[in-house]
Amino acid sequence: MDYFLGHIGYIVIAAIVIAAVAFASVYFADMSKELNKADAETEAEKSCGAGCSSCSGCGSLMSCNKDDKKL
């Protein structure tokens, strides 16, 4: 018991460090997920899904459901 009580400070510090690393990993994973979702939404707004970068010269222009067709 003396050994445990003599090292309680090290045990508490190790627990705090492990908790901080776990919290940081969850936080940054959540932030990454939100950023990836925002990037996907932005990319979806840029194209109509036909794979073209602009509507100019697109073969699917007549069947495109994009509201703001840039001719």
C-alpha atoms as a PDB file:
ATOM      1  CA  MET A   1       0.000   0.000   0.000  1.00  0.00           C
ATOM      2  CA  ASP A   2       2.914   2.324   0.703  1.00  0.00           C
ATOM      3  CA  TYR A   3       4.170   1.815  -2.850  1.00  0.00           C
ATOM      4  CA  PHE A   4       0.801   2.823  -4.298  1.00  0.00           C
ATOM      5  CA  LEU A   5       0.456   5.872  -2.071  1.00  0.00           C
ATOM      6  CA  GLY A   6       4.013   6.888  -2.859  1.00  0.00           C
ATOM      7  CA  HIS A   7       3.266   6.891  -6.581  1.00  0.00           C
ATOM      8  CA  ILE A   8      -0.267   8.313  -6.530  1.00  0.00           C
ATOM      9  CA  GLY A   9       0.963  11.586  -8.046  1.00  0.00           C
ATOM     10  CA  TYR A  10       2.436   9.780 -11.053  1.00  0.00           C
ATOM     11  CA  ILE A  11      -0.757   7.765 -11.468  1.00  0.00           C
ATOM     12  CA  VAL A  12      -2.938  10.892 -11.413  1.00  0.00           C
ATOM     13  CA  ILE A  13      -0.675  12.702 -13.896  1.00  0.00           C
ATOM     14  CA  ALA A  14      -0.713   9.685 -16.237  1.00  0.00           C
ATOM     15  CA  ALA A  15      -4.521   9.522 -16.014  1.00  0.00           C
ATOM     16  CA  ILE A  16      -4.811  13.227 -16.854  1.00  0.00           C
ATOM     17  CA  VAL A  17      -2.467  12.871 -19.849  1.00  0.00           C
ATOM     18  CA  ILE A  18      -4.374   9.832 -21.164  1.00  0.00           C
ATOM     19  CA  ALA A  19      -7.708  11.658 -20.743  1.00  0.00           C
ATOM     20  CA  ALA A  20      -6.349  14.730 -22.563  1.00  0.00           C
ATOM     21  CA  VAL A  21      -5.112  12.621 -25.485  1.00  0.00           C
ATOM     22  CA  ALA A  22      -8.459  10.808 -25.708  1.00  0.00           C
ATOM     23  CA  PHE A  23     -10.396  14.080 -25.600  1.00  0.00           C
ATOM     24  CA  ALA A  24      -8.164  15.650 -28.263  1.00  0.00           C
ATOM     25  CA  SER A  25      -8.547  12.668 -30.588  1.00  0.00           C
ATOM     26  CA  VAL A  26     -12.349  12.747 -30.325  1.00  0.00           C
ATOM     27  CA  TYR A  27     -12.448  16.535 -30.746  1.00  0.00           C
ATOM     28  CA  PHE A  28     -10.202  16.576 -33.816  1.00  0.00           C
ATOM     29  CA  ALA A  29     -12.032  13.618 -35.381  1.00  0.00           C
ATOM     30  CA  ASP A  30     -15.311  15.507 -35.000  1.00  0.00           C
ATOM     31  CA  MET A  31     -13.809  18.682 -36.487  1.00  0.00           C
ATOM     32  CA  SER A  32     -12.406  16.690 -39.412  1.00  0.00           C
ATOM     33  CA  LYS A  33     -15.805  15.111 -40.032  1.00  0.00           C
ATOM     34  CA  GLU A  34     -17.483  18.539 -40.087  1.00  0.00           C
ATOM     35  CA  LEU A  35     -14.853  19.956 -42.451  1.00  0.00           C
ATOM     36  CA  ASN A  36     -15.166  16.978 -44.803  1.00  0.00           C
ATOM     37  CA  LYS A  37     -18.948  17.353 -44.805  1.00  0.00           C
ATOM     38  CA  ALA A  38     -18.668  21.073 -45.601  1.00  0.00           C
ATOM     39  CA  ASP A  39     -16.170  20.347 -48.392  1.00  0.00           C
ATOM     40  CA  ALA A  40     -18.480  17.710 -49.878  1.00  0.00           C
ATOM     41  CA  GLU A  41     -21.423  20.120 -49.819  1.00  0.00           C
ATOM     42  CA  THR A  42     -19.341  22.839 -51.475  1.00  0.00           C
ATOM     43  CA  GLU A  43     -18.141  20.411 -54.145  1.00  0.00           C
ATOM     44  CA  ALA A  44     -21.707  19.242 -54.796  1.00  0.00           C
ATOM     45  CA  GLU A  45     -22.811  22.842 -55.298  1.00  0.00           C
ATOM     46  CA  LYS A  46     -20.034  23.439 -57.842  1.00  0.00           C
ATOM     47  CA  SER A  47     -21.023  20.681 -60.231  1.00  0.00           C
ATOM     48  CA  CYS A  48     -24.284  19.174 -61.388  1.00  0.00           C
ATOM     49  CA  GLY A  49     -22.996  15.630 -61.106  1.00  0.00           C
ATOM     50  CA  ALA A  50     -22.232  15.184 -64.793  1.00  0.00           C
ATOM     51  CA  GLY A  51     -18.526  15.461 -64.081  1.00  0.00           C
ATOM     52  CA  CYS A  52     -17.961  18.731 -65.904  1.00  0.00           C
ATOM     53  CA  SER A  53     -16.308  21.729 -64.296  1.00  0.00           C
ATOM     54  CA  SER A  54     -18.602  24.315 -65.892  1.00  0.00           C
ATOM     55  CA  CYS A  55     -21.846  24.244 -67.836  1.00  0.00           C
ATOM     56  CA  SER A  56     -20.174  25.738 -70.888  1.00  0.00           C
ATOM     57  CA  GLY A  57     -19.853  22.972 -73.468  1.00  0.00           C
ATOM     58  CA  CYS A  58     -21.498  20.359 -71.268  1.00  0.00           C
ATOM     59  CA  GLY A  59     -23.365  17.671 -73.175  1.00  0.00           C
ATOM     60  CA  SER A  60     -25.914  17.321 -70.394  1.00  0.00           C
ATOM     61  CA  LEU A  61     -26.912  20.987 -70.378  1.00  0.00           C
ATOM     62  CA  MET A  62     -30.525  20.366 -71.412  1.00  0.00           C
ATOM     63  CA  SER A  63     -31.108  17.673 -68.810  1.00  0.00           C
ATOM     64  CA  CYS A  64     -29.177  19.458 -66.062  1.00  0.00           C
ATOM     65  CA  ASN A  65     -31.155  20.177 -62.910  1.00  0.00           C
ATOM     66  CA  LYS A  66     -28.752  22.843 -61.701  1.00  0.00           C
ATOM     67  CA  ASP A  67     -30.598  26.108 -61.016  1.00  0.00           C
ATOM     68  CA  ASP A  68     -27.855  28.531 -61.978  1.00  0.00           C
ATOM     69  CA  LYS A  69     -26.580  27.210 -65.309  1.00  0.00           C
ATOM     70  CA  LYS A  70     -23.626  29.267 -66.454  1.00  0.00           C
ATOM     71  CA  LEU A  71     -23.601  29.377 -70.224  1.00  0.00           C
END
